[in-house]
Amino acid sequence: GFDGASHDYYYSEEPDTSKNIKEGEKFPKHLMVYAAVAFNRKFPLVFCENGIKINSQYYQDAILQSTISYGNENFGSGNWVFIQDSAPSHRSKNTQEFLCNNVPFISASKWPSCSPDLNPLDYCIWGMLKHKVYSQKIKTLSELKTVIEDE
């Protein structure tokens, strides 16, 4: 009997998918960058060495030293509070001790989880930066670095 199924076919031209498909490399070149912000300014970006694994020692030596230095120079030593996300190198006992000895900070045990107010990089800034970067045709790591620095 009749099941009500429709067997109508419509033919049209092939759709223009050039605007919908984004081709990319399987393993594109990339940069790892550290950023910090305050209520009225951004800290200088730190570009990590290519292929480096960020352990607590690298994080302290290559990233925190310059971040703390900049914070103290711009806000005064002891006049600002440092907070970070819970990446393994950030929450390690060694890093927590380093911070305790060098800057006022909110310890890992007191971090509020998933707070957009305390993590504006994760909840806003990285997404905006990613949108700006992906909207351009960047061919080299040097161009990528320049675009990131200019934003």
N, C-alpha and C. Protein backbone atom coordinates (compact mmCIF):
# COMPACT_ATOMS: atom_id res chain seq x y z
N GLY A 1 0.79 -1.16 0.00
CA GLY A 1 0.00 0.00 0.00
C GLY A 1 0.86 1.26 0.00
N PHE A 2 0.18 2.37 0.02
CA PHE A 2 0.82 3.67 -0.04
C PHE A 2 1.31 4.05 1.36
N ASP A 3 2.61 4.34 1.48
CA ASP A 3 3.15 4.69 2.80
C ASP A 3 3.36 6.19 2.97
N GLY A 4 3.00 6.98 2.00
CA GLY A 4 3.12 8.43 2.11
C GLY A 4 4.51 8.96 1.86
N ALA A 5 5.45 8.11 1.56
CA ALA A 5 6.81 8.57 1.31
C ALA A 5 6.87 9.32 0.00
N SER A 6 7.61 10.37 -0.01
CA SER A 6 7.75 11.17 -1.22
C SER A 6 9.04 10.79 -1.92
N HIS A 7 8.95 10.65 -3.20
CA HIS A 7 10.13 10.32 -3.98
C HIS A 7 10.40 11.40 -4.99
N ASP A 8 10.26 12.64 -4.56
CA ASP A 8 10.52 13.77 -5.44
C ASP A 8 12.01 14.09 -5.40
N TYR A 9 12.58 14.39 -6.55
CA TYR A 9 13.99 14.74 -6.64
C TYR A 9 14.12 16.12 -7.23
N TYR A 10 15.03 16.91 -6.69
CA TYR A 10 15.29 18.25 -7.19
C TYR A 10 16.76 18.34 -7.55
N TYR A 11 17.04 18.82 -8.73
CA TYR A 11 18.42 18.96 -9.18
C TYR A 11 18.76 20.44 -9.25
N SER A 12 19.97 20.75 -8.86
CA SER A 12 20.43 22.14 -8.95
C SER A 12 21.91 22.12 -9.24
N GLU A 13 22.44 23.31 -9.43
CA GLU A 13 23.89 23.40 -9.65
C GLU A 13 24.61 23.01 -8.37
N GLU A 14 25.86 22.65 -8.53
CA GLU A 14 26.67 22.35 -7.35
C GLU A 14 26.81 23.61 -6.50
N PRO A 15 26.64 23.51 -5.20
CA PRO A 15 26.77 24.69 -4.35
C PRO A 15 28.22 25.16 -4.28
N ASP A 16 28.39 26.46 -4.10
CA ASP A 16 29.73 27.03 -3.94
C ASP A 16 30.16 26.82 -2.49
N THR A 17 31.00 25.84 -2.28
CA THR A 17 31.43 25.53 -0.91
C THR A 17 32.76 26.18 -0.56
N SER A 18 33.29 27.00 -1.46
CA SER A 18 34.61 27.59 -1.20
C SER A 18 34.61 28.45 0.06
N LYS A 19 33.47 29.00 0.41
CA LYS A 19 33.40 29.82 1.62
C LYS A 19 33.16 28.98 2.86
N ASN A 20 32.76 27.74 2.69
CA ASN A 20 32.40 26.89 3.82
C ASN A 20 33.50 25.91 4.22
N ILE A 21 34.41 25.65 3.32
CA ILE A 21 35.44 24.65 3.59
C ILE A 21 36.77 25.35 3.82
N LYS A 22 37.38 25.00 4.91
CA LYS A 22 38.68 25.58 5.24
C LYS A 22 39.71 24.46 5.18
N GLU A 23 40.62 24.58 4.24
CA GLU A 23 41.65 23.57 4.11
C GLU A 23 42.81 23.93 5.01
N GLY A 24 43.46 22.93 5.52
CA GLY A 24 44.60 23.19 6.39
C GLY A 24 45.56 22.03 6.37
N GLU A 25 46.71 22.27 6.94
CA GLU A 25 47.71 21.22 7.04
C GLU A 25 47.30 20.25 8.14
N LYS A 26 47.78 19.01 8.02
CA LYS A 26 47.47 18.02 9.04
C LYS A 26 48.16 18.37 10.35
N PHE A 27 49.40 18.82 10.30
CA PHE A 27 50.14 19.22 11.49
C PHE A 27 50.75 20.60 11.23
N PRO A 28 49.94 21.66 11.33
CA PRO A 28 50.45 22.99 11.00
C PRO A 28 51.51 23.48 11.98
N LYS A 29 52.35 24.38 11.51
CA LYS A 29 53.33 25.00 12.38
C LYS A 29 52.56 25.84 13.40
N HIS A 30 53.13 25.98 14.59
CA HIS A 30 52.42 26.71 15.63
C HIS A 30 53.39 27.40 16.58
N LEU A 31 52.85 28.30 17.34
CA LEU A 31 53.60 29.00 18.38
C LEU A 31 52.90 28.75 19.71
N MET A 32 53.68 28.66 20.76
CA MET A 32 53.10 28.62 22.09
C MET A 32 53.41 29.96 22.73
N VAL A 33 52.37 30.61 23.22
CA VAL A 33 52.54 31.95 23.77
C VAL A 33 51.89 32.04 25.14
N TYR A 34 52.55 32.76 26.04
CA TYR A 34 52.01 33.02 27.37
C TYR A 34 51.57 34.47 27.41
N ALA A 35 50.40 34.70 27.97
CA ALA A 35 49.89 36.07 28.09
C ALA A 35 49.38 36.29 29.51
N ALA A 36 49.46 37.53 29.94
CA ALA A 36 48.90 37.94 31.23
C ALA A 36 48.29 39.32 31.04
N VAL A 37 47.22 39.56 31.76
CA VAL A 37 46.55 40.86 31.67
C VAL A 37 46.23 41.38 33.06
N ALA A 38 46.09 42.69 33.13
CA ALA A 38 45.62 43.36 34.33
C ALA A 38 44.38 44.16 33.94
N PHE A 39 43.77 44.81 34.89
CA PHE A 39 42.54 45.53 34.58
C PHE A 39 42.76 46.65 33.58
N ASN A 40 43.96 47.18 33.48
CA ASN A 40 44.18 48.32 32.59
C ASN A 40 45.32 48.14 31.59
N ARG A 41 45.84 46.96 31.47
CA ARG A 41 46.93 46.76 30.52
C ARG A 41 47.20 45.27 30.29
N LYS A 42 47.92 45.02 29.22
CA LYS A 42 48.38 43.65 28.98
C LYS A 42 49.88 43.60 29.27
N PHE A 43 50.31 42.48 29.78
CA PHE A 43 51.72 42.26 30.05
C PHE A 43 52.40 41.88 28.73
N PRO A 44 53.71 42.04 28.63
CA PRO A 44 54.40 41.58 27.40
C PRO A 44 54.19 40.08 27.20
N LEU A 45 53.96 39.70 25.96
CA LEU A 45 53.80 38.28 25.64
C LEU A 45 55.13 37.56 25.79
N VAL A 46 55.05 36.28 26.14
CA VAL A 46 56.24 35.44 26.19
C VAL A 46 56.02 34.30 25.20
N PHE A 47 56.86 34.25 24.17
CA PHE A 47 56.79 33.17 23.19
C PHE A 47 57.74 32.07 23.65
N CYS A 48 57.20 30.88 23.80
CA CYS A 48 57.99 29.75 24.31
C CYS A 48 58.83 29.14 23.19
N GLU A 49 59.91 28.53 23.60
CA GLU A 49 60.79 27.87 22.64
C GLU A 49 60.02 26.78 21.89
N ASN A 50 60.31 26.64 20.61
CA ASN A 50 59.64 25.65 19.79
C ASN A 50 59.91 24.24 20.32
N GLY A 51 58.86 23.47 20.49
CA GLY A 51 58.98 22.09 20.91
C GLY A 51 59.21 21.88 22.40
N ILE A 52 59.19 22.96 23.18
CA ILE A 52 59.47 22.84 24.61
C ILE A 52 58.25 22.28 25.35
N LYS A 53 58.51 21.48 26.36
CA LYS A 53 57.45 21.03 27.26
C LYS A 53 57.50 21.96 28.46
N ILE A 54 56.38 22.55 28.80
CA ILE A 54 56.34 23.51 29.90
C ILE A 54 56.24 22.74 31.22
N ASN A 55 57.38 22.58 31.87
CA ASN A 55 57.36 22.02 33.22
C ASN A 55 57.47 23.17 34.21
N SER A 56 57.42 22.88 35.49
CA SER A 56 57.40 23.96 36.47
C SER A 56 58.69 24.78 36.45
N GLN A 57 59.82 24.16 36.19
CA GLN A 57 61.08 24.92 36.17
C GLN A 57 61.14 25.88 34.98
N TYR A 58 60.75 25.40 33.81
CA TYR A 58 60.72 26.27 32.63
C TYR A 58 59.72 27.41 32.86
N TYR A 59 58.57 27.08 33.41
CA TYR A 59 57.53 28.08 33.68
C TYR A 59 58.07 29.18 34.60
N GLN A 60 58.77 28.78 35.63
CA GLN A 60 59.34 29.77 36.56
C GLN A 60 60.43 30.61 35.90
N ASP A 61 61.36 29.95 35.23
CA ASP A 61 62.52 30.65 34.66
C ASP A 61 62.18 31.50 33.44
N ALA A 62 61.43 30.95 32.52
CA ALA A 62 61.19 31.63 31.24
C ALA A 62 59.95 32.51 31.24
N ILE A 63 59.03 32.25 32.15
CA ILE A 63 57.76 32.98 32.11
C ILE A 63 57.51 33.80 33.37
N LEU A 64 57.53 33.17 34.52
CA LEU A 64 57.18 33.90 35.74
C LEU A 64 58.15 35.01 36.09
N GLN A 65 59.44 34.78 35.87
CA GLN A 65 60.42 35.83 36.21
C GLN A 65 60.07 37.14 35.53
N SER A 66 59.83 37.09 34.22
CA SER A 66 59.53 38.33 33.48
C SER A 66 58.15 38.87 33.84
N THR A 67 57.20 38.00 34.09
CA THR A 67 55.85 38.44 34.46
C THR A 67 55.87 39.17 35.80
N ILE A 68 56.54 38.60 36.77
CA ILE A 68 56.62 39.22 38.10
C ILE A 68 57.39 40.52 38.03
N SER A 69 58.46 40.53 37.27
CA SER A 69 59.26 41.74 37.09
C SER A 69 58.41 42.87 36.52
N TYR A 70 57.66 42.57 35.46
CA TYR A 70 56.80 43.57 34.83
C TYR A 70 55.72 44.05 35.80
N GLY A 71 55.11 43.12 36.51
CA GLY A 71 54.07 43.50 37.48
C GLY A 71 54.60 44.41 38.56
N ASN A 72 55.77 44.09 39.10
CA ASN A 72 56.37 44.92 40.15
C ASN A 72 56.74 46.30 39.63
N GLU A 73 57.27 46.37 38.41
CA GLU A 73 57.66 47.66 37.82
C GLU A 73 56.45 48.54 37.55
N ASN A 74 55.34 47.95 37.18
CA ASN A 74 54.17 48.73 36.77
C ASN A 74 53.14 48.96 37.88
N PHE A 75 53.11 48.10 38.87
CA PHE A 75 52.12 48.23 39.94
C PHE A 75 52.76 48.44 41.31
N GLY A 76 54.05 48.23 41.39
CA GLY A 76 54.75 48.32 42.67
C GLY A 76 54.82 46.96 43.33
N SER A 77 55.95 46.67 43.91
CA SER A 77 56.15 45.37 44.56
C SER A 77 55.14 45.19 45.69
N GLY A 78 54.41 44.11 45.64
CA GLY A 78 53.43 43.81 46.68
C GLY A 78 52.09 44.50 46.50
N ASN A 79 51.93 45.29 45.45
CA ASN A 79 50.68 46.03 45.24
C ASN A 79 49.76 45.39 44.20
N TRP A 80 50.01 44.17 43.86
CA TRP A 80 49.17 43.47 42.89
C TRP A 80 49.12 42.00 43.27
N VAL A 81 48.10 41.32 42.80
CA VAL A 81 47.91 39.91 43.13
C VAL A 81 47.94 39.11 41.84
N PHE A 82 48.70 38.03 41.86
CA PHE A 82 48.86 37.17 40.70
C PHE A 82 47.91 35.99 40.82
N ILE A 83 47.21 35.69 39.73
CA ILE A 83 46.37 34.50 39.68
C ILE A 83 46.59 33.83 38.33
N GLN A 84 46.48 32.53 38.31
CA GLN A 84 46.72 31.76 37.08
C GLN A 84 45.74 30.61 37.00
N ASP A 85 45.72 29.92 35.87
CA ASP A 85 44.84 28.77 35.76
C ASP A 85 45.51 27.56 36.41
N SER A 86 44.93 26.40 36.22
CA SER A 86 45.43 25.22 36.93
C SER A 86 46.22 24.26 36.04
N ALA A 87 46.95 24.80 35.08
CA ALA A 87 47.83 23.94 34.27
C ALA A 87 48.82 23.24 35.21
N PRO A 88 49.25 22.04 34.88
CA PRO A 88 50.14 21.31 35.78
C PRO A 88 51.37 22.09 36.24
N SER A 89 52.01 22.83 35.33
CA SER A 89 53.20 23.59 35.74
C SER A 89 52.84 24.75 36.66
N HIS A 90 51.60 25.19 36.64
CA HIS A 90 51.15 26.30 37.48
C HIS A 90 50.83 25.83 38.89
N ARG A 91 50.27 24.63 39.01
CA ARG A 91 49.83 24.18 40.32
C ARG A 91 50.84 23.28 41.04
N SER A 92 51.99 23.06 40.41
CA SER A 92 52.99 22.20 41.05
C SER A 92 53.44 22.80 42.38
N LYS A 93 53.83 21.95 43.28
CA LYS A 93 54.29 22.39 44.61
C LYS A 93 55.46 23.36 44.46
N ASN A 94 56.36 23.04 43.55
CA ASN A 94 57.54 23.87 43.32
C ASN A 94 57.14 25.28 42.86
N THR A 95 56.20 25.38 41.93
CA THR A 95 55.74 26.69 41.44
C THR A 95 55.00 27.44 42.53
N GLN A 96 54.17 26.73 43.29
CA GLN A 96 53.44 27.39 44.38
C GLN A 96 54.40 27.98 45.42
N GLU A 97 55.47 27.26 45.72
CA GLU A 97 56.49 27.78 46.65
C GLU A 97 57.20 28.99 46.05
N PHE A 98 57.53 28.90 44.77
CA PHE A 98 58.19 30.01 44.08
C PHE A 98 57.33 31.27 44.17
N LEU A 99 56.05 31.14 43.88
CA LEU A 99 55.15 32.29 43.92
C LEU A 99 55.02 32.83 45.34
N CYS A 100 54.93 31.94 46.30
CA CYS A 100 54.82 32.35 47.70
C CYS A 100 56.00 33.22 48.12
N ASN A 101 57.17 32.94 47.58
CA ASN A 101 58.38 33.68 47.92
C ASN A 101 58.59 34.94 47.08
N ASN A 102 57.81 35.12 46.00
CA ASN A 102 58.11 36.20 45.07
C ASN A 102 57.00 37.20 44.78
N VAL A 103 55.76 36.86 45.05
CA VAL A 103 54.67 37.76 44.67
C VAL A 103 53.40 37.40 45.46
N PRO A 104 52.58 38.40 45.81
CA PRO A 104 51.27 38.05 46.38
C PRO A 104 50.47 37.30 45.32
N PHE A 105 49.87 36.19 45.69
CA PHE A 105 49.13 35.40 44.71
C PHE A 105 48.02 34.63 45.40
N ILE A 106 47.11 34.12 44.60
CA ILE A 106 46.05 33.26 45.12
C ILE A 106 46.51 31.82 44.92
N SER A 107 46.67 31.10 46.00
CA SER A 107 47.22 29.75 45.93
C SER A 107 46.26 28.80 45.23
N ALA A 108 46.81 27.70 44.74
CA ALA A 108 46.02 26.72 43.99
C ALA A 108 44.85 26.19 44.81
N SER A 109 45.01 26.06 46.11
CA SER A 109 43.94 25.53 46.95
C SER A 109 42.76 26.50 47.07
N LYS A 110 42.97 27.76 46.73
CA LYS A 110 41.91 28.77 46.86
C LYS A 110 41.39 29.28 45.52
N TRP A 111 41.86 28.71 44.42
CA TRP A 111 41.39 29.16 43.12
C TRP A 111 39.92 28.82 42.94
N PRO A 112 39.12 29.78 42.53
CA PRO A 112 37.74 29.44 42.18
C PRO A 112 37.74 28.74 40.82
N SER A 113 37.00 27.68 40.71
CA SER A 113 36.99 26.96 39.43
C SER A 113 36.06 27.64 38.43
N CYS A 114 36.46 27.63 37.19
CA CYS A 114 35.64 28.12 36.07
C CYS A 114 35.10 29.53 36.29
N SER A 115 35.93 30.45 36.71
CA SER A 115 35.49 31.82 36.94
C SER A 115 35.85 32.72 35.76
N PRO A 116 34.86 33.17 34.99
CA PRO A 116 35.16 34.07 33.87
C PRO A 116 35.74 35.40 34.34
N ASP A 117 35.41 35.82 35.55
CA ASP A 117 35.94 37.08 36.07
C ASP A 117 37.43 36.99 36.38
N LEU A 118 37.88 35.84 36.84
CA LEU A 118 39.28 35.69 37.20
C LEU A 118 40.12 35.05 36.10
N ASN A 119 39.49 34.58 35.06
CA ASN A 119 40.21 33.97 33.94
C ASN A 119 39.77 34.58 32.61
N PRO A 120 39.94 35.89 32.44
CA PRO A 120 39.47 36.52 31.19
C PRO A 120 40.18 36.00 29.95
N LEU A 121 41.41 35.51 30.11
CA LEU A 121 42.11 34.96 28.95
C LEU A 121 41.37 33.73 28.42
N ASP A 122 41.02 32.81 29.32
CA ASP A 122 40.35 31.58 28.90
C ASP A 122 38.93 31.82 28.42
N TYR A 123 38.23 32.76 29.02
CA TYR A 123 36.82 32.95 28.73
C TYR A 123 36.53 34.03 27.69
N CYS A 124 37.55 34.73 27.23
CA CYS A 124 37.28 35.79 26.27
C CYS A 124 38.46 36.06 25.33
N ILE A 125 39.57 36.44 25.88
CA ILE A 125 40.68 36.98 25.09
C ILE A 125 41.26 35.97 24.11
N TRP A 126 41.50 34.73 24.53
CA TRP A 126 42.05 33.73 23.60
C TRP A 126 41.11 33.51 22.43
N GLY A 127 39.81 33.47 22.68
CA GLY A 127 38.83 33.28 21.61
C GLY A 127 38.84 34.43 20.61
N MET A 128 38.92 35.65 21.12
CA MET A 128 38.97 36.82 20.23
C MET A 128 40.25 36.81 19.40
N LEU A 129 41.37 36.47 20.04
CA LEU A 129 42.64 36.42 19.33
C LEU A 129 42.62 35.33 18.26
N LYS A 130 42.09 34.18 18.61
CA LYS A 130 41.99 33.08 17.65
C LYS A 130 41.17 33.49 16.43
N HIS A 131 40.07 34.19 16.66
CA HIS A 131 39.22 34.67 15.56
C HIS A 131 40.00 35.62 14.65
N LYS A 132 40.76 36.54 15.24
CA LYS A 132 41.56 37.50 14.45
C LYS A 132 42.62 36.76 13.63
N VAL A 133 43.29 35.81 14.26
CA VAL A 133 44.36 35.06 13.59
C VAL A 133 43.79 34.23 12.45
N TYR A 134 42.70 33.50 12.70
CA TYR A 134 42.13 32.63 11.68
C TYR A 134 41.49 33.39 10.53
N SER A 135 41.19 34.66 10.72
CA SER A 135 40.57 35.43 9.65
C SER A 135 41.60 35.96 8.64
N GLN A 136 42.87 35.68 8.88
CA GLN A 136 43.94 36.15 8.00
C GLN A 136 44.66 34.96 7.38
N LYS A 137 45.25 35.19 6.22
CA LYS A 137 46.04 34.14 5.58
C LYS A 137 47.48 34.31 6.01
N ILE A 138 47.86 33.57 7.02
CA ILE A 138 49.21 33.66 7.57
C ILE A 138 50.01 32.49 7.03
N LYS A 139 51.20 32.80 6.49
CA LYS A 139 51.99 31.76 5.84
C LYS A 139 53.22 31.34 6.64
N THR A 140 53.71 32.20 7.52
CA THR A 140 54.93 31.87 8.24
C THR A 140 54.73 32.08 9.74
N LEU A 141 55.60 31.45 10.52
CA LEU A 141 55.56 31.65 11.97
C LEU A 141 55.86 33.10 12.33
N SER A 142 56.72 33.73 11.55
CA SER A 142 57.05 35.13 11.79
C SER A 142 55.81 36.02 11.62
N GLU A 143 55.03 35.76 10.57
CA GLU A 143 53.78 36.51 10.36
C GLU A 143 52.81 36.26 11.50
N LEU A 144 52.70 35.01 11.93
CA LEU A 144 51.81 34.66 13.03
C LEU A 144 52.20 35.41 14.30
N LYS A 145 53.48 35.42 14.59
CA LYS A 145 53.96 36.12 15.78
C LYS A 145 53.64 37.61 15.70
N THR A 146 53.83 38.21 14.54
CA THR A 146 53.54 39.64 14.35
C THR A 146 52.06 39.92 14.57
N VAL A 147 51.19 39.09 14.01
CA VAL A 147 49.75 39.28 14.18
C VAL A 147 49.37 39.19 15.66
N ILE A 148 49.91 38.22 16.35
CA ILE A 148 49.60 38.05 17.77
C ILE A 148 50.10 39.25 18.57
N GLU A 149 51.31 39.71 18.28
CA GLU A 149 51.88 40.85 19.00
C GLU A 149 51.09 42.13 18.74
N ASP A 150 50.59 42.29 17.52
CA ASP A 150 49.86 43.51 17.16
C ASP A 150 48.49 43.60 17.80
N GLU A 151 47.95 42.48 18.19
CA GLU A 151 46.62 42.49 18.83
C GLU A 151 46.81 42.79 20.28
